C-alpha atoms as a PDB file:
ATOM      1  CA  UNK A   1      -0.155  -0.138   0.176  1.00  0.00           C
ATOM      2  CA  UNK A   2       1.046   3.406  -0.717  1.00  0.00           C
ATOM      3  CA  UNK A   3       1.334   6.088   1.950  1.00  0.00           C
ATOM      4  CA  UNK A   4       0.795   9.753   1.436  1.00  0.00           C
ATOM      5  CA  UNK A   5       2.573  12.385   3.665  1.00  0.00           C
ATOM      6  CA  UNK A   6       1.835  16.251   3.617  1.00  0.00           C
ATOM      7  CA  UNK A   7       5.080  18.694   4.060  1.00  0.00           C
ATOM      8  CA  UNK A   8       3.712  21.436   6.585  1.00  0.00           C
ATOM      9  CA  UNK A   9       4.416  23.816   3.536  1.00  0.00           C
ATOM     10  CA  UNK A  10       1.895  21.879   1.183  1.00  0.00           C
ATOM     11  CA  UNK A  11      -0.988  22.066   4.206  1.00  0.00           C
ATOM     12  CA  UNK A  12      -0.476  25.545   4.499  1.00  0.00           C
ATOM     13  CA  UNK A  13      -0.973  25.986   0.588  1.00  0.00           C
ATOM     14  CA  UNK A  14      -3.971  23.923   0.905  1.00  0.00           C
ATOM     15  CA  UNK A  15      -5.382  25.940   3.713  1.00  0.00           C
ATOM     16  CA  UNK A  16      -4.908  29.283   1.827  1.00  0.00           C
ATOM     17  CA  UNK A  17      -6.395  27.795  -1.455  1.00  0.00           C
ATOM     18  CA  UNK A  18      -9.252  26.962   0.304  1.00  0.00           C
ATOM     19  CA  UNK A  19      -9.956  30.238   1.819  1.00  0.00           C
ATOM     20  CA  UNK A  20      -9.315  32.069  -1.061  1.00  0.00           C
ATOM     21  CA  UNK A  21     -11.851  29.989  -2.981  1.00  0.00           C
ATOM     22  CA  UNK A  22     -14.441  30.122   0.004  1.00  0.00           C
ATOM     23  CA  UNK A  23     -14.031  34.365  -0.284  1.00  0.00           C
ATOM     24  CA  UNK A  24     -14.884  34.312  -4.015  1.00  0.00           C
ATOM     25  CA  UNK A  25     -18.087  32.109  -3.551  1.00  0.00           C
ATOM     26  CA  UNK A  26     -19.579  30.211  -0.649  1.00  0.00           C
ATOM     27  CA  UNK A  27     -19.051  26.361  -1.168  1.00  0.00           C
ATOM     28  CA  UNK A  28     -16.666  26.657  -4.161  1.00  0.00           C
ATOM     29  CA  UNK A  29     -13.755  25.869  -1.523  1.00  0.00           C
ATOM     30  CA  UNK A  30     -15.695  22.369  -0.788  1.00  0.00           C
ATOM     31  CA  UNK A  31     -15.720  22.142  -4.975  1.00  0.00           C
ATOM     32  CA  UNK A  32     -11.867  22.324  -5.255  1.00  0.00           C
ATOM     33  CA  UNK A  33     -11.357  20.220  -2.446  1.00  0.00           C
ATOM     34  CA  UNK A  34     -13.455  17.603  -3.968  1.00  0.00           C
ATOM     35  CA  UNK A  35     -11.039  17.917  -7.208  1.00  0.00           C
ATOM     36  CA  UNK A  36      -8.127  18.226  -4.922  1.00  0.00           C
ATOM     37  CA  UNK A  37      -9.137  14.659  -3.486  1.00  0.00           C
ATOM     38  CA  UNK A  38      -9.846  13.182  -6.595  1.00  0.00           C
ATOM     39  CA  UNK A  39      -6.375  14.098  -7.855  1.00  0.00           C
ATOM     40  CA  UNK A  40      -4.683  12.551  -4.836  1.00  0.00           C
ATOM     41  CA  UNK A  41      -6.660   9.323  -5.082  1.00  0.00           C
ATOM     42  CA  UNK A  42      -5.336   9.057  -8.975  1.00  0.00           C
ATOM     43  CA  UNK A  43      -1.707   9.374  -6.991  1.00  0.00           C
ATOM     44  CA  UNK A  44      -2.031   6.881  -4.290  1.00  0.00           C
ATOM     45  CA  UNK A  45      -3.455   4.439  -7.178  1.00  0.00           C
ATOM     46  CA  UNK A  46      -0.821   5.018  -9.511  1.00  0.00           C
ATOM     47  CA  UNK A  47       2.102   7.125  -8.392  1.00  0.00           C
ATOM     48  CA  UNK A  48       4.355   6.606 -11.416  1.00  0.00           C
ATOM     49  CA  UNK A  49       1.692   7.389 -13.809  1.00  0.00           C
ATOM     50  CA  UNK A  50       3.283  10.886 -14.103  1.00  0.00           C
ATOM     51  CA  UNK A  51       5.999  12.567 -15.481  1.00  0.00           C
ATOM     52  CA  UNK A  52       8.531  14.101 -13.434  1.00  0.00           C
ATOM     53  CA  UNK A  53       8.688  17.794 -14.303  1.00  0.00           C
ATOM     54  CA  UNK A  54      11.503  19.285 -12.341  1.00  0.00           C
ATOM     55  CA  UNK A  55      14.164  16.803 -11.382  1.00  0.00           C
ATOM     56  CA  UNK A  56      13.060  14.174  -8.968  1.00  0.00           C
ATOM     57  CA  UNK A  57       9.537  16.049  -8.718  1.00  0.00           C
ATOM     58  CA  UNK A  58       6.115  14.764 -10.421  1.00  0.00           C
ATOM     59  CA  UNK A  59       2.926  16.999 -10.976  1.00  0.00           C
ATOM     60  CA  UNK A  60      -0.362  15.668 -10.862  1.00  0.00           C
ATOM     61  CA  UNK A  61      -3.085  18.382 -12.330  1.00  0.00           C
ATOM     62  CA  UNK A  62      -6.398  18.355 -10.955  1.00  0.00           C
ATOM     63  CA  UNK A  63      -9.297  18.910 -12.717  1.00  0.00           C
ATOM     64  CA  UNK A  64     -11.411  22.068 -12.894  1.00  0.00           C
ATOM     65  CA  UNK A  65      -8.596  24.189 -10.853  1.00  0.00           C
ATOM     66  CA  UNK A  66      -5.367  25.346 -12.408  1.00  0.00           C
ATOM     67  CA  UNK A  67      -3.270  23.923  -9.785  1.00  0.00           C
ATOM     68  CA  UNK A  68      -0.909  20.832  -9.763  1.00  0.00           C
ATOM     69  CA  UNK A  69      -0.096  18.733  -6.701  1.00  0.00           C
ATOM     70  CA  UNK A  70       3.798  18.629  -6.898  1.00  0.00           C
ATOM     71  CA  UNK A  71       5.082  15.364  -5.104  1.00  0.00           C
ATOM     72  CA  UNK A  72       8.052  12.973  -4.916  1.00  0.00           C
ATOM     73  CA  UNK A  73       7.434   9.182  -4.692  1.00  0.00           C
ATOM     74  CA  UNK A  74      10.199   7.361  -2.646  1.00  0.00           C
ATOM     75  CA  UNK A  75       9.877   3.858  -1.094  1.00  0.00           C
ATOM     76  CA  UNK A  76       6.405   3.268  -1.599  1.00  0.00           C
ATOM     77  CA  UNK A  77       5.659   6.969   0.052  1.00  0.00           C
ATOM     78  CA  UNK A  78       4.128  10.043  -1.763  1.00  0.00           C
ATOM     79  CA  UNK A  79       5.543  13.196  -0.443  1.00  0.00           C
ATOM     80  CA  UNK A  80       3.162  16.205  -1.212  1.00  0.00           C
ATOM     81  CA  UNK A  81       5.910  18.790  -1.438  1.00  0.00           C
ATOM     82  CA  UNK A  82       3.071  21.565  -2.631  1.00  0.00           C
ATOM     83  CA  UNK A  83      -0.271  22.651  -4.174  1.00  0.00           C
ATOM     84  CA  UNK A  84       0.527  25.406  -6.693  1.00  0.00           C
ATOM     85  CA  UNK A  85      -1.278  27.598  -9.211  1.00  0.00           C
ATOM     86  CA  UNK A  86      -0.016  26.777 -12.731  1.00  0.00           C
ATOM     87  CA  UNK A  87       0.916  30.081 -13.394  1.00  0.00           C
ATOM     88  CA  UNK A  88       3.517  30.459 -10.686  1.00  0.00           C
ATOM     89  CA  UNK A  89       6.945  30.173 -12.091  1.00  0.00           C
ATOM     90  CA  UNK A  90       9.420  27.246 -10.765  1.00  0.00           C
ATOM     91  CA  UNK A  91      11.807  29.787  -9.687  1.00  0.00           C
ATOM     92  CA  UNK A  92       9.343  30.804  -7.176  1.00  0.00           C
ATOM     93  CA  UNK A  93       9.012  27.794  -5.312  1.00  0.00           C
ATOM     94  CA  UNK A  94      12.092  25.901  -6.349  1.00  0.00           C
ATOM     95  CA  UNK A  95      13.918  26.474  -2.842  1.00  0.00           C
ATOM     96  CA  UNK A  96      11.241  24.821  -1.403  1.00  0.00           C
ATOM     97  CA  UNK A  97      11.869  21.510  -3.353  1.00  0.00           C
ATOM     98  CA  UNK A  98      15.608  21.622  -2.848  1.00  0.00           C
ATOM     99  CA  UNK A  99      16.199  22.487  -6.384  1.00  0.00           C
ATOM    100  CA  UNK A 100      18.522  25.350  -7.604  1.00  0.00           C
END
């Protein structure tokens, strides 16, 4: 079985996104959470299905919302490093990933 673990930064990302969507329209954050959950379920079922985008980091884009789940897959564990908007430059968050 594949375990999934979130870095504290990834959890902050999700919290920020949820709060922002809820400010836009009541209930929209719930829609985001459902799409995020579906994306995570896909990762757990087949973590190797997505290509590496940045050295060892893979990205699973979620449906309906412009966000990608950035993760590493090591020793039967998915480590979610962040949930980033697709418009963000990798330079803005590569430090978090340990990339230069």
